[in-house]
């Protein structure tokens, strides 16, 4: 593999993870509503808690921005690893979307204590195998659904590329 292409792919994957880790719910709540969502409602940084605490308008903005994280990861991968450079560029785009989901789950930038990533860690610490497997199965299902969504979007958008190259 060309070193320049390998560098582009590595940069794409790291940036996709970081894009996914952007806590839009926390940013919106702190800068526009002057409150920390981790201290209100369920304590989660998701659109549902935003709707409970701040209302449907803020929840709609957070939902749209969270959806845009996945789109941005795929577009970034498509830009950095174009089809002309690598015949498997769509696979890097799907991997970028997956890493964006991992960034959301782990939430390294927030240091959150709730959510699916915390549920897995908490279940491991409590030796609650059922909870750990439930969280892993849920994350697997989310990953499969997102993979299918990206594949469907790819088929819709990249209709001009022969199927043998997809």
C-alpha atoms as a PDB file:
ATOM      1  CA  UNK A   1       0.000   0.000   0.000  1.00  0.00           C
ATOM      2  CA  UNK A   2       1.192   3.469  -0.842  1.00  0.00           C
ATOM      3  CA  UNK A   3       2.431   5.287   2.314  1.00  0.00           C
ATOM      4  CA  UNK A   4       0.519   8.434   1.380  1.00  0.00           C
ATOM      5  CA  UNK A   5      -2.712   6.445   1.054  1.00  0.00           C
ATOM      6  CA  UNK A   6      -2.034   4.679   4.364  1.00  0.00           C
ATOM      7  CA  UNK A   7      -1.556   8.073   6.019  1.00  0.00           C
ATOM      8  CA  UNK A   8      -4.804   9.348   4.543  1.00  0.00           C
ATOM      9  CA  UNK A   9      -6.675   6.286   5.742  1.00  0.00           C
ATOM     10  CA  UNK A  10      -5.205   6.567   9.251  1.00  0.00           C
ATOM     11  CA  UNK A  11      -6.067  10.272   9.402  1.00  0.00           C
ATOM     12  CA  UNK A  12      -9.570   9.513   8.169  1.00  0.00           C
ATOM     13  CA  UNK A  13     -10.164   6.903  10.867  1.00  0.00           C
ATOM     14  CA  UNK A  14      -8.808   9.047  13.694  1.00  0.00           C
ATOM     15  CA  UNK A  15     -10.819  12.085  12.610  1.00  0.00           C
ATOM     16  CA  UNK A  16     -13.973   9.961  12.179  1.00  0.00           C
ATOM     17  CA  UNK A  17     -13.591   8.775  15.778  1.00  0.00           C
ATOM     18  CA  UNK A  18     -13.087  12.339  17.000  1.00  0.00           C
ATOM     19  CA  UNK A  19     -16.084  13.582  15.014  1.00  0.00           C
ATOM     20  CA  UNK A  20     -18.216  10.920  16.677  1.00  0.00           C
ATOM     21  CA  UNK A  21     -16.968  11.957  20.113  1.00  0.00           C
ATOM     22  CA  UNK A  22     -18.216  15.555  19.799  1.00  0.00           C
ATOM     23  CA  UNK A  23     -20.837  15.942  22.569  1.00  0.00           C
ATOM     24  CA  UNK A  24     -23.378  18.149  20.801  1.00  0.00           C
ATOM     25  CA  UNK A  25     -25.931  17.799  23.600  1.00  0.00           C
ATOM     26  CA  UNK A  26     -23.427  19.119  26.120  1.00  0.00           C
ATOM     27  CA  UNK A  27     -22.267  21.923  23.825  1.00  0.00           C
ATOM     28  CA  UNK A  28     -25.831  23.089  23.064  1.00  0.00           C
ATOM     29  CA  UNK A  29     -26.927  22.876  26.701  1.00  0.00           C
ATOM     30  CA  UNK A  30     -23.873  24.675  28.062  1.00  0.00           C
ATOM     31  CA  UNK A  31     -23.557  27.499  25.544  1.00  0.00           C
ATOM     32  CA  UNK A  32     -27.183  28.228  24.755  1.00  0.00           C
ATOM     33  CA  UNK A  33     -29.030  27.175  27.900  1.00  0.00           C
ATOM     34  CA  UNK A  34     -26.292  27.562  30.554  1.00  0.00           C
ATOM     35  CA  UNK A  35     -26.912  24.151  32.116  1.00  0.00           C
ATOM     36  CA  UNK A  36     -25.068  20.852  32.304  1.00  0.00           C
ATOM     37  CA  UNK A  37     -27.287  18.037  31.056  1.00  0.00           C
ATOM     38  CA  UNK A  38     -25.276  15.530  33.057  1.00  0.00           C
ATOM     39  CA  UNK A  39     -26.795  17.101  36.182  1.00  0.00           C
ATOM     40  CA  UNK A  40     -30.413  17.137  34.939  1.00  0.00           C
ATOM     41  CA  UNK A  41     -32.954  14.583  33.766  1.00  0.00           C
ATOM     42  CA  UNK A  42     -31.465  11.137  33.203  1.00  0.00           C
ATOM     43  CA  UNK A  43     -27.924  12.532  33.044  1.00  0.00           C
ATOM     44  CA  UNK A  44     -27.418  11.174  29.516  1.00  0.00           C
ATOM     45  CA  UNK A  45     -26.136  13.369  26.717  1.00  0.00           C
ATOM     46  CA  UNK A  46     -28.695  12.330  24.144  1.00  0.00           C
ATOM     47  CA  UNK A  47     -31.567  13.943  22.297  1.00  0.00           C
ATOM     48  CA  UNK A  48     -34.135  12.297  24.592  1.00  0.00           C
ATOM     49  CA  UNK A  49     -32.697  13.916  27.702  1.00  0.00           C
ATOM     50  CA  UNK A  50     -32.343  17.203  25.830  1.00  0.00           C
ATOM     51  CA  UNK A  51     -36.046  17.032  24.993  1.00  0.00           C
ATOM     52  CA  UNK A  52     -36.930  16.311  28.619  1.00  0.00           C
ATOM     53  CA  UNK A  53     -34.824  19.122  30.029  1.00  0.00           C
ATOM     54  CA  UNK A  54     -34.572  21.790  27.317  1.00  0.00           C
ATOM     55  CA  UNK A  55     -37.523  21.156  24.998  1.00  0.00           C
ATOM     56  CA  UNK A  56     -38.172  19.818  21.529  1.00  0.00           C
ATOM     57  CA  UNK A  57     -36.400  22.603  19.605  1.00  0.00           C
ATOM     58  CA  UNK A  58     -33.075  21.970  21.320  1.00  0.00           C
ATOM     59  CA  UNK A  59     -33.627  18.211  20.981  1.00  0.00           C
ATOM     60  CA  UNK A  60     -34.205  18.574  17.244  1.00  0.00           C
ATOM     61  CA  UNK A  61     -30.958  20.532  16.868  1.00  0.00           C
ATOM     62  CA  UNK A  62     -29.004  17.965  18.899  1.00  0.00           C
ATOM     63  CA  UNK A  63     -30.580  15.098  16.946  1.00  0.00           C
ATOM     64  CA  UNK A  64     -29.665  16.726  13.627  1.00  0.00           C
ATOM     65  CA  UNK A  65     -26.109  17.432  14.753  1.00  0.00           C
ATOM     66  CA  UNK A  66     -25.697  13.882  16.061  1.00  0.00           C
ATOM     67  CA  UNK A  67     -26.934  12.509  12.730  1.00  0.00           C
ATOM     68  CA  UNK A  68     -24.557  14.863  10.938  1.00  0.00           C
ATOM     69  CA  UNK A  69     -21.634  13.241  12.773  1.00  0.00           C
ATOM     70  CA  UNK A  70     -22.171   9.987  10.871  1.00  0.00           C
ATOM     71  CA  UNK A  71     -22.663  11.800   7.589  1.00  0.00           C
ATOM     72  CA  UNK A  72     -19.517  13.853   8.167  1.00  0.00           C
ATOM     73  CA  UNK A  73     -17.483  10.723   8.906  1.00  0.00           C
ATOM     74  CA  UNK A  74     -18.639   9.072   5.680  1.00  0.00           C
ATOM     75  CA  UNK A  75     -18.071  12.211   3.606  1.00  0.00           C
ATOM     76  CA  UNK A  76     -14.622  12.665   5.119  1.00  0.00           C
ATOM     77  CA  UNK A  77     -13.703   9.094   4.263  1.00  0.00           C
ATOM     78  CA  UNK A  78     -15.041   9.545   0.743  1.00  0.00           C
ATOM     79  CA  UNK A  79     -12.960  12.699   0.338  1.00  0.00           C
ATOM     80  CA  UNK A  80      -9.724  11.380   1.832  1.00  0.00           C
ATOM     81  CA  UNK A  81      -9.906   7.951   0.186  1.00  0.00           C
ATOM     82  CA  UNK A  82     -11.633   8.539  -3.152  1.00  0.00           C
ATOM     83  CA  UNK A  83     -12.743   5.691  -5.400  1.00  0.00           C
ATOM     84  CA  UNK A  84     -10.171   6.707  -8.006  1.00  0.00           C
ATOM     85  CA  UNK A  85      -7.342   6.122  -5.508  1.00  0.00           C
ATOM     86  CA  UNK A  86      -8.597   2.950  -3.864  1.00  0.00           C
ATOM     87  CA  UNK A  87     -11.189   0.535  -5.252  1.00  0.00           C
ATOM     88  CA  UNK A  88     -12.282  -0.289  -1.688  1.00  0.00           C
ATOM     89  CA  UNK A  89     -12.984   3.325  -0.710  1.00  0.00           C
ATOM     90  CA  UNK A  90     -16.567   2.516   0.291  1.00  0.00           C
ATOM     91  CA  UNK A  91     -15.266   0.092   2.911  1.00  0.00           C
ATOM     92  CA  UNK A  92     -13.213   2.883   4.473  1.00  0.00           C
ATOM     93  CA  UNK A  93     -16.310   5.074   4.492  1.00  0.00           C
ATOM     94  CA  UNK A  94     -18.225   2.381   6.371  1.00  0.00           C
ATOM     95  CA  UNK A  95     -15.345   1.940   8.784  1.00  0.00           C
ATOM     96  CA  UNK A  96     -15.313   5.707   9.314  1.00  0.00           C
ATOM     97  CA  UNK A  97     -19.015   5.599  10.199  1.00  0.00           C
ATOM     98  CA  UNK A  98     -18.379   2.725  12.594  1.00  0.00           C
ATOM     99  CA  UNK A  99     -15.596   4.640  14.311  1.00  0.00           C
ATOM    100  CA  UNK A 100     -17.911   7.643  14.638  1.00  0.00           C
ATOM    101  CA  UNK A 101     -20.367   5.373  16.481  1.00  0.00           C
ATOM    102  CA  UNK A 102     -17.543   4.141  18.710  1.00  0.00           C
ATOM    103  CA  UNK A 103     -16.611   7.766  19.406  1.00  0.00           C
ATOM    104  CA  UNK A 104     -20.195   8.452  20.476  1.00  0.00           C
ATOM    105  CA  UNK A 105     -20.304   5.350  22.643  1.00  0.00           C
ATOM    106  CA  UNK A 106     -17.026   5.879  24.405  1.00  0.00           C
ATOM    107  CA  UNK A 107     -17.466   9.628  24.823  1.00  0.00           C
ATOM    108  CA  UNK A 108     -13.823  10.254  25.661  1.00  0.00           C
ATOM    109  CA  UNK A 109     -14.133  14.013  25.282  1.00  0.00           C
ATOM    110  CA  UNK A 110     -16.855  14.280  27.911  1.00  0.00           C
ATOM    111  CA  UNK A 111     -15.782  11.669  30.414  1.00  0.00           C
ATOM    112  CA  UNK A 112     -19.433  10.779  30.796  1.00  0.00           C
ATOM    113  CA  UNK A 113     -20.583   8.197  33.259  1.00  0.00           C
ATOM    114  CA  UNK A 114     -23.693   6.992  31.465  1.00  0.00           C
ATOM    115  CA  UNK A 115     -24.502   5.418  28.155  1.00  0.00           C
ATOM    116  CA  UNK A 116     -23.683   2.143  26.444  1.00  0.00           C
ATOM    117  CA  UNK A 117     -19.923   2.331  26.945  1.00  0.00           C
ATOM    118  CA  UNK A 118     -20.396   2.878  30.650  1.00  0.00           C
ATOM    119  CA  UNK A 119     -22.971   0.090  30.797  1.00  0.00           C
ATOM    120  CA  UNK A 120     -20.405  -2.380  29.475  1.00  0.00           C
ATOM    121  CA  UNK A 121     -17.742  -1.183  31.937  1.00  0.00           C
ATOM    122  CA  UNK A 122     -20.178  -1.180  34.853  1.00  0.00           C
ATOM    123  CA  UNK A 123     -21.376  -4.674  34.002  1.00  0.00           C
ATOM    124  CA  UNK A 124     -17.808  -5.932  33.849  1.00  0.00           C
ATOM    125  CA  UNK A 125     -17.026  -4.365  37.237  1.00  0.00           C
ATOM    126  CA  UNK A 126     -20.098  -5.915  38.818  1.00  0.00           C
ATOM    127  CA  UNK A 127     -19.478  -9.271  37.123  1.00  0.00           C
ATOM    128  CA  UNK A 128     -22.966  -8.991  35.685  1.00  0.00           C
ATOM    129  CA  UNK A 129     -22.498 -11.058  32.574  1.00  0.00           C
ATOM    130  CA  UNK A 130     -26.067 -10.632  31.385  1.00  0.00           C
ATOM    131  CA  UNK A 131     -25.747  -6.828  31.404  1.00  0.00           C
ATOM    132  CA  UNK A 132     -22.447  -6.957  29.539  1.00  0.00           C
ATOM    133  CA  UNK A 133     -23.836  -9.270  26.858  1.00  0.00           C
ATOM    134  CA  UNK A 134     -27.017  -7.199  26.554  1.00  0.00           C
ATOM    135  CA  UNK A 135     -24.968  -4.071  25.930  1.00  0.00           C
ATOM    136  CA  UNK A 136     -22.676  -5.877  23.477  1.00  0.00           C
ATOM    137  CA  UNK A 137     -25.660  -7.305  21.578  1.00  0.00           C
ATOM    138  CA  UNK A 138     -27.290  -3.868  21.485  1.00  0.00           C
ATOM    139  CA  UNK A 139     -24.091  -2.280  20.137  1.00  0.00           C
ATOM    140  CA  UNK A 140     -23.786  -5.089  17.574  1.00  0.00           C
ATOM    141  CA  UNK A 141     -27.344  -4.516  16.390  1.00  0.00           C
ATOM    142  CA  UNK A 142     -26.721  -0.758  16.167  1.00  0.00           C
ATOM    143  CA  UNK A 143     -23.542  -1.430  14.175  1.00  0.00           C
ATOM    144  CA  UNK A 144     -25.310  -3.800  11.780  1.00  0.00           C
ATOM    145  CA  UNK A 145     -28.169  -1.351  11.243  1.00  0.00           C
ATOM    146  CA  UNK A 146     -25.758   1.518  10.599  1.00  0.00           C
ATOM    147  CA  UNK A 147     -23.683  -0.652   8.259  1.00  0.00           C
ATOM    148  CA  UNK A 148     -26.855  -1.487   6.321  1.00  0.00           C
ATOM    149  CA  UNK A 149     -27.871   2.170   6.253  1.00  0.00           C
ATOM    150  CA  UNK A 150     -24.481   3.204   4.885  1.00  0.00           C
ATOM    151  CA  UNK A 151     -24.603   0.376   2.315  1.00  0.00           C
ATOM    152  CA  UNK A 152     -28.083   1.462   1.202  1.00  0.00           C
ATOM    153  CA  UNK A 153     -26.999   5.100   1.024  1.00  0.00           C
ATOM    154  CA  UNK A 154     -23.925   4.066  -0.916  1.00  0.00           C
ATOM    155  CA  UNK A 155     -26.009   2.079  -3.405  1.00  0.00           C
ATOM    156  CA  UNK A 156     -28.311   5.070  -3.809  1.00  0.00           C
ATOM    157  CA  UNK A 157     -25.567   7.677  -4.175  1.00  0.00           C
ATOM    158  CA  UNK A 158     -22.942   5.659  -6.022  1.00  0.00           C
ATOM    159  CA  UNK A 159     -25.245   4.159  -8.633  1.00  0.00           C
ATOM    160  CA  UNK A 160     -22.813   5.084 -11.382  1.00  0.00           C
ATOM    161  CA  UNK A 161     -20.097   2.732 -10.077  1.00  0.00           C
ATOM    162  CA  UNK A 162     -20.288  -0.864 -11.337  1.00  0.00           C
ATOM    163  CA  UNK A 163     -21.376  -3.371  -8.674  1.00  0.00           C
ATOM    164  CA  UNK A 164     -18.148  -5.336  -9.063  1.00  0.00           C
ATOM    165  CA  UNK A 165     -16.206  -2.357  -7.700  1.00  0.00           C
ATOM    166  CA  UNK A 166     -18.496  -1.799  -4.665  1.00  0.00           C
END
